[in-house]
Each structure stands twice: as structure tokens, then as C-alpha cells.
């Protein structure tokens, strides 16, 4: 593999990890707002928090690995420019990570609602 492809893979992974952390924190704030009315429902809130954390981390890891695989596929197999494939992958997967974390918030709110006394 060329040096430019390796650099594109590393840069894509690092940028998407940063996006995942920022999106995860934003999602946590959305989660806190979504569960504002669950005062006194400690079990529902705790299970919902664990659900959000697990699904958000899985979403971030799976989408970051997918982005790196796509950059490698586009750069090595399809012979695209490494910077172009990294840029396209970063934009697309950043949007998918944000959307995925919103889905995680909704899913954890549904779990909390199901466990409400």
C-alpha cells in the first residue's frame, strides 16, 4: 500500500473517532433531555443509560471500521485518490454517526418507557 493510502486510513479513523466522541456527548445530552420526566424511576433510567452507552459505542466502532474499509476499497481496489476517498468517507460516515447516535437516543428512551412503573 502507498504511504498516501495509509495516511488517509489513519486520518479518517482519527477524525471519525473525534466525531464519534462529540456526537456521543451530544447524544448523551439529548438522552438526558429525553428522560427528563423519569424522576424516581431509577431502574428505567439506569437501564436506559446502559442501553444508550452500549449502542452508541457499537455504532461508533462499526461505522468507523466501515469508513476505514471503504477508504481502503476506494483507494486500493478502485484506484481513487486517497484524499478524495478519505474526504468522501469522512463526510458520509460523520452524517451516519450523528444519525446513528440519534437512533440510539430514541431506542434508549423506548427502553426506559417500557421499564416505567
N, C-alpha and C. Protein backbone atom coordinates (compact mmCIF):
# COMPACT_ATOMS: atom_id res chain seq x y z
N UNK A 1 0.85 -1.19 0.00
CA UNK A 1 0.00 0.00 0.00
C UNK A 1 0.89 1.25 0.00
N UNK A 2 0.40 2.25 -0.66
CA UNK A 2 1.12 3.51 -0.72
C UNK A 2 1.06 4.24 0.62
N UNK A 3 1.99 5.13 0.81
CA UNK A 3 2.03 5.93 2.02
C UNK A 3 0.81 6.85 2.11
N UNK A 4 0.37 7.35 0.98
CA UNK A 4 -0.79 8.25 0.99
C UNK A 4 -2.05 7.51 1.40
N UNK A 5 -2.18 6.25 1.03
CA UNK A 5 -3.35 5.46 1.42
C UNK A 5 -3.32 5.18 2.92
N UNK A 6 -2.15 4.84 3.44
CA UNK A 6 -2.03 4.59 4.88
C UNK A 6 -2.34 5.86 5.66
N UNK A 7 -1.83 7.00 5.18
CA UNK A 7 -2.11 8.27 5.85
C UNK A 7 -3.61 8.58 5.80
N UNK A 8 -4.24 8.29 4.67
CA UNK A 8 -5.68 8.54 4.54
C UNK A 8 -6.47 7.66 5.49
N UNK A 9 -6.05 6.40 5.65
CA UNK A 9 -6.73 5.49 6.57
C UNK A 9 -6.62 5.98 8.01
N UNK A 10 -5.42 6.38 8.41
CA UNK A 10 -5.20 6.84 9.79
C UNK A 10 -5.95 8.14 10.05
N UNK A 11 -5.86 9.07 9.12
CA UNK A 11 -6.54 10.36 9.30
C UNK A 11 -8.05 10.17 9.36
N UNK A 12 -8.59 9.33 8.51
CA UNK A 12 -10.03 9.06 8.53
C UNK A 12 -10.45 8.46 9.86
N UNK A 13 -9.69 7.49 10.34
CA UNK A 13 -10.02 6.85 11.62
C UNK A 13 -9.96 7.86 12.77
N UNK A 14 -8.92 8.67 12.82
CA UNK A 14 -8.78 9.63 13.92
C UNK A 14 -9.87 10.70 13.88
N UNK A 15 -10.19 11.19 12.69
CA UNK A 15 -11.24 12.20 12.59
C UNK A 15 -12.60 11.63 12.97
N UNK A 16 -12.87 10.40 12.57
CA UNK A 16 -14.16 9.80 12.90
C UNK A 16 -14.26 9.44 14.38
N UNK A 17 -13.15 9.13 15.02
CA UNK A 17 -13.18 8.92 16.47
C UNK A 17 -13.52 10.24 17.16
N UNK A 18 -12.94 11.35 16.69
CA UNK A 18 -13.27 12.66 17.27
C UNK A 18 -14.74 13.01 17.04
N UNK A 19 -15.24 12.74 15.85
CA UNK A 19 -16.66 12.99 15.55
C UNK A 19 -17.54 12.11 16.43
N UNK A 20 -17.13 10.86 16.63
CA UNK A 20 -17.91 9.94 17.47
C UNK A 20 -17.99 10.41 18.91
N UNK A 21 -16.89 10.91 19.43
CA UNK A 21 -16.89 11.41 20.81
C UNK A 21 -17.80 12.63 20.92
N UNK A 22 -17.68 13.56 19.98
CA UNK A 22 -18.53 14.76 20.02
C UNK A 22 -20.00 14.40 19.85
N UNK A 23 -20.27 13.51 18.93
CA UNK A 23 -21.65 13.08 18.70
C UNK A 23 -22.19 12.31 19.89
N UNK A 24 -21.35 11.49 20.51
CA UNK A 24 -21.77 10.74 21.69
C UNK A 24 -22.12 11.65 22.86
N UNK A 25 -21.34 12.70 23.03
CA UNK A 25 -21.65 13.65 24.11
C UNK A 25 -22.92 14.43 23.80
N UNK A 26 -23.10 14.80 22.56
CA UNK A 26 -24.34 15.47 22.18
C UNK A 26 -25.53 14.54 22.36
N UNK A 27 -25.34 13.29 21.99
CA UNK A 27 -26.39 12.30 22.19
C UNK A 27 -26.71 12.08 23.65
N UNK A 28 -25.69 12.13 24.50
CA UNK A 28 -25.93 12.00 25.94
C UNK A 28 -26.78 13.15 26.46
N UNK A 29 -26.52 14.35 25.96
CA UNK A 29 -27.35 15.49 26.36
C UNK A 29 -28.78 15.32 25.87
N UNK A 30 -28.95 14.84 24.65
CA UNK A 30 -30.30 14.56 24.15
C UNK A 30 -30.97 13.48 24.98
N UNK A 31 -30.19 12.47 25.37
CA UNK A 31 -30.73 11.40 26.22
C UNK A 31 -31.21 11.97 27.56
N UNK A 32 -30.43 12.87 28.15
CA UNK A 32 -30.81 13.47 29.42
C UNK A 32 -32.09 14.29 29.28
N UNK A 33 -32.22 14.99 28.19
CA UNK A 33 -33.44 15.77 27.95
C UNK A 33 -34.63 14.84 27.69
N UNK A 34 -34.39 13.76 26.96
CA UNK A 34 -35.48 12.83 26.65
C UNK A 34 -36.02 12.15 27.90
N UNK A 35 -35.16 11.92 28.88
CA UNK A 35 -35.58 11.24 30.11
C UNK A 35 -35.81 12.21 31.26
N UNK A 36 -36.14 13.43 30.93
CA UNK A 36 -36.37 14.44 31.95
C UNK A 36 -37.55 14.10 32.85
N UNK A 37 -38.56 13.46 32.34
CA UNK A 37 -39.77 13.16 33.11
C UNK A 37 -39.72 11.85 33.88
N UNK A 38 -38.57 11.23 33.96
CA UNK A 38 -38.46 9.93 34.62
C UNK A 38 -37.92 10.05 36.04
N UNK A 39 -38.33 11.07 36.77
CA UNK A 39 -37.88 11.25 38.15
C UNK A 39 -38.41 10.11 39.01
N UNK A 40 -37.54 9.51 39.80
CA UNK A 40 -37.95 8.43 40.68
C UNK A 40 -37.97 7.07 40.02
N UNK A 41 -37.68 7.00 38.76
CA UNK A 41 -37.66 5.74 38.02
C UNK A 41 -36.20 5.32 37.80
N UNK A 42 -35.51 5.01 38.89
CA UNK A 42 -34.07 4.76 38.81
C UNK A 42 -33.72 3.55 37.94
N UNK A 43 -34.49 2.49 38.05
CA UNK A 43 -34.21 1.30 37.26
C UNK A 43 -34.34 1.59 35.77
N UNK A 44 -35.40 2.27 35.39
CA UNK A 44 -35.62 2.59 33.98
C UNK A 44 -34.52 3.50 33.45
N UNK A 45 -34.12 4.48 34.24
CA UNK A 45 -33.08 5.41 33.81
C UNK A 45 -31.73 4.71 33.69
N UNK A 46 -31.40 3.85 34.66
CA UNK A 46 -30.11 3.16 34.62
C UNK A 46 -30.02 2.19 33.44
N UNK A 47 -31.06 1.43 33.22
CA UNK A 47 -31.06 0.50 32.08
C UNK A 47 -31.01 1.28 30.77
N UNK A 48 -31.72 2.39 30.71
CA UNK A 48 -31.71 3.22 29.52
C UNK A 48 -30.33 3.82 29.27
N UNK A 49 -29.65 4.24 30.32
CA UNK A 49 -28.30 4.79 30.19
C UNK A 49 -27.33 3.73 29.67
N UNK A 50 -27.40 2.54 30.24
CA UNK A 50 -26.53 1.46 29.77
C UNK A 50 -26.84 1.12 28.32
N UNK A 51 -28.11 1.10 27.98
CA UNK A 51 -28.51 0.83 26.60
C UNK A 51 -27.95 1.89 25.66
N UNK A 52 -28.04 3.17 26.05
CA UNK A 52 -27.51 4.23 25.19
C UNK A 52 -26.01 4.10 25.03
N UNK A 53 -25.30 3.88 26.12
CA UNK A 53 -23.84 3.81 26.04
C UNK A 53 -23.39 2.65 25.15
N UNK A 54 -23.99 1.47 25.37
CA UNK A 54 -23.59 0.29 24.59
C UNK A 54 -23.91 0.48 23.11
N UNK A 55 -25.11 0.94 22.81
CA UNK A 55 -25.47 1.10 21.39
C UNK A 55 -24.68 2.23 20.72
N UNK A 56 -24.39 3.30 21.46
CA UNK A 56 -23.61 4.40 20.88
C UNK A 56 -22.18 3.97 20.59
N UNK A 57 -21.58 3.22 21.51
CA UNK A 57 -20.21 2.75 21.29
C UNK A 57 -20.17 1.77 20.12
N UNK A 58 -21.12 0.85 20.09
CA UNK A 58 -21.17 -0.10 18.97
C UNK A 58 -21.37 0.61 17.63
N UNK A 59 -22.24 1.59 17.62
CA UNK A 59 -22.46 2.36 16.40
C UNK A 59 -21.19 3.06 15.95
N UNK A 60 -20.51 3.70 16.89
CA UNK A 60 -19.28 4.43 16.55
C UNK A 60 -18.20 3.49 16.05
N UNK A 61 -18.01 2.36 16.71
CA UNK A 61 -16.96 1.42 16.32
C UNK A 61 -17.26 0.80 14.95
N UNK A 62 -18.48 0.36 14.76
CA UNK A 62 -18.84 -0.28 13.49
C UNK A 62 -18.73 0.69 12.32
N UNK A 63 -19.21 1.92 12.52
CA UNK A 63 -19.16 2.89 11.42
C UNK A 63 -17.74 3.39 11.16
N UNK A 64 -16.92 3.50 12.18
CA UNK A 64 -15.53 3.91 11.96
C UNK A 64 -14.76 2.83 11.22
N UNK A 65 -14.95 1.58 11.60
CA UNK A 65 -14.30 0.48 10.89
C UNK A 65 -14.81 0.42 9.45
N UNK A 66 -16.09 0.62 9.25
CA UNK A 66 -16.65 0.62 7.90
C UNK A 66 -16.05 1.74 7.06
N UNK A 67 -15.86 2.89 7.64
CA UNK A 67 -15.28 4.02 6.90
C UNK A 67 -13.85 3.71 6.46
N UNK A 68 -13.08 3.11 7.35
CA UNK A 68 -11.70 2.77 7.01
C UNK A 68 -11.68 1.71 5.90
N UNK A 69 -12.57 0.73 5.98
CA UNK A 69 -12.64 -0.29 4.94
C UNK A 69 -13.04 0.33 3.59
N UNK A 70 -13.96 1.27 3.63
CA UNK A 70 -14.38 1.94 2.39
C UNK A 70 -13.23 2.76 1.80
N UNK A 71 -12.47 3.45 2.64
CA UNK A 71 -11.33 4.21 2.14
C UNK A 71 -10.32 3.27 1.49
N UNK A 72 -10.05 2.15 2.15
CA UNK A 72 -9.11 1.18 1.57
C UNK A 72 -9.65 0.63 0.24
N UNK A 73 -10.93 0.31 0.22
CA UNK A 73 -11.54 -0.22 -1.01
C UNK A 73 -11.44 0.78 -2.15
N UNK A 74 -11.82 2.02 -1.87
CA UNK A 74 -11.81 3.03 -2.93
C UNK A 74 -10.39 3.38 -3.38
N UNK A 75 -9.46 3.43 -2.43
CA UNK A 75 -8.09 3.84 -2.77
C UNK A 75 -7.30 2.73 -3.43
N UNK A 76 -7.38 1.53 -2.88
CA UNK A 76 -6.52 0.44 -3.37
C UNK A 76 -7.17 -0.31 -4.52
N UNK A 77 -8.41 -0.74 -4.34
CA UNK A 77 -9.03 -1.60 -5.35
C UNK A 77 -9.59 -0.78 -6.51
N UNK A 78 -10.25 0.34 -6.24
CA UNK A 78 -10.85 1.14 -7.30
C UNK A 78 -9.92 2.23 -7.83
N UNK A 79 -8.75 2.39 -7.21
CA UNK A 79 -7.70 3.34 -7.64
C UNK A 79 -8.15 4.79 -7.61
N UNK A 80 -8.93 5.15 -6.58
CA UNK A 80 -9.29 6.55 -6.39
C UNK A 80 -8.15 7.27 -5.69
N UNK A 81 -8.20 8.58 -5.74
CA UNK A 81 -7.27 9.40 -5.00
C UNK A 81 -7.50 9.16 -3.50
N UNK A 82 -6.43 8.98 -2.74
CA UNK A 82 -6.56 8.68 -1.31
C UNK A 82 -7.24 9.82 -0.56
N UNK A 83 -6.89 11.06 -0.89
CA UNK A 83 -7.51 12.19 -0.21
C UNK A 83 -8.99 12.30 -0.55
N UNK A 84 -9.34 12.06 -1.80
CA UNK A 84 -10.74 12.11 -2.21
C UNK A 84 -11.58 11.03 -1.55
N UNK A 85 -11.06 9.82 -1.49
CA UNK A 85 -11.81 8.74 -0.85
C UNK A 85 -11.92 8.97 0.65
N UNK A 86 -10.89 9.51 1.27
CA UNK A 86 -10.95 9.81 2.71
C UNK A 86 -11.95 10.93 2.98
N UNK A 87 -11.97 11.94 2.13
CA UNK A 87 -12.91 13.05 2.31
C UNK A 87 -14.35 12.59 2.16
N UNK A 88 -14.61 11.81 1.12
CA UNK A 88 -15.96 11.30 0.90
C UNK A 88 -16.40 10.40 2.05
N UNK A 89 -15.52 9.53 2.47
CA UNK A 89 -15.83 8.61 3.57
C UNK A 89 -16.07 9.38 4.87
N UNK A 90 -15.26 10.39 5.13
CA UNK A 90 -15.42 11.18 6.36
C UNK A 90 -16.77 11.89 6.37
N UNK A 91 -17.14 12.50 5.29
CA UNK A 91 -18.41 13.24 5.23
C UNK A 91 -19.60 12.29 5.40
N UNK A 92 -19.60 11.22 4.63
CA UNK A 92 -20.73 10.28 4.68
C UNK A 92 -20.85 9.62 6.05
N UNK A 93 -19.74 9.14 6.58
CA UNK A 93 -19.80 8.42 7.85
C UNK A 93 -19.97 9.35 9.05
N UNK A 94 -19.58 10.60 8.94
CA UNK A 94 -19.89 11.55 10.01
C UNK A 94 -21.39 11.76 10.13
N UNK A 95 -22.04 11.90 8.98
CA UNK A 95 -23.50 12.03 8.98
C UNK A 95 -24.15 10.77 9.54
N UNK A 96 -23.64 9.61 9.14
CA UNK A 96 -24.20 8.35 9.63
C UNK A 96 -23.99 8.17 11.13
N UNK A 97 -22.85 8.62 11.64
CA UNK A 97 -22.59 8.51 13.09
C UNK A 97 -23.56 9.40 13.85
N UNK A 98 -23.76 10.64 13.40
CA UNK A 98 -24.72 11.52 14.08
C UNK A 98 -26.12 10.93 14.03
N UNK A 99 -26.53 10.43 12.88
CA UNK A 99 -27.86 9.82 12.76
C UNK A 99 -27.96 8.57 13.63
N UNK A 100 -26.91 7.79 13.67
CA UNK A 100 -26.90 6.59 14.49
C UNK A 100 -27.03 6.89 15.97
N UNK A 101 -26.39 7.96 16.42
CA UNK A 101 -26.50 8.32 17.83
C UNK A 101 -27.88 8.86 18.16
N UNK A 102 -28.53 9.51 17.22
CA UNK A 102 -29.91 9.94 17.46
C UNK A 102 -30.83 8.73 17.56
N UNK A 103 -30.59 7.73 16.73
CA UNK A 103 -31.37 6.49 16.82
C UNK A 103 -31.11 5.80 18.15
N UNK A 104 -29.88 5.84 18.63
CA UNK A 104 -29.56 5.25 19.94
C UNK A 104 -30.32 5.96 21.06
N UNK A 105 -30.44 7.26 20.99
CA UNK A 105 -31.20 8.01 22.00
C UNK A 105 -32.66 7.59 21.96
N UNK A 106 -33.23 7.51 20.78
CA UNK A 106 -34.63 7.11 20.65
C UNK A 106 -34.83 5.70 21.17
N UNK A 107 -33.93 4.80 20.82
CA UNK A 107 -34.04 3.42 21.28
C UNK A 107 -33.94 3.32 22.80
N UNK A 108 -33.02 4.07 23.40
CA UNK A 108 -32.88 4.02 24.86
C UNK A 108 -34.08 4.66 25.55
N UNK A 109 -34.69 5.66 24.94
CA UNK A 109 -35.91 6.25 25.51
C UNK A 109 -37.08 5.26 25.44
N UNK A 110 -37.13 4.48 24.38
CA UNK A 110 -38.16 3.44 24.27
C UNK A 110 -37.95 2.37 25.34
N UNK A 111 -36.69 2.01 25.59
CA UNK A 111 -36.38 1.04 26.64
C UNK A 111 -36.80 1.58 27.99
N UNK A 112 -36.52 2.84 28.27
CA UNK A 112 -36.90 3.45 29.55
C UNK A 112 -38.40 3.51 29.68
N UNK A 113 -39.09 3.82 28.62
CA UNK A 113 -40.55 3.88 28.66
C UNK A 113 -41.15 2.50 28.92
N UNK A 114 -40.54 1.47 28.38
CA UNK A 114 -41.03 0.11 28.59
C UNK A 114 -40.83 -0.34 30.04
N UNK A 115 -39.80 0.19 30.69
CA UNK A 115 -39.50 -0.21 32.07
C UNK A 115 -40.14 0.69 33.11
N UNK A 116 -40.87 1.68 32.68
CA UNK A 116 -41.51 2.62 33.61
C UNK A 116 -42.55 1.90 34.44
N UNK A 117 -42.57 2.21 35.73
CA UNK A 117 -43.54 1.55 36.64
C UNK A 117 -44.93 2.05 36.43
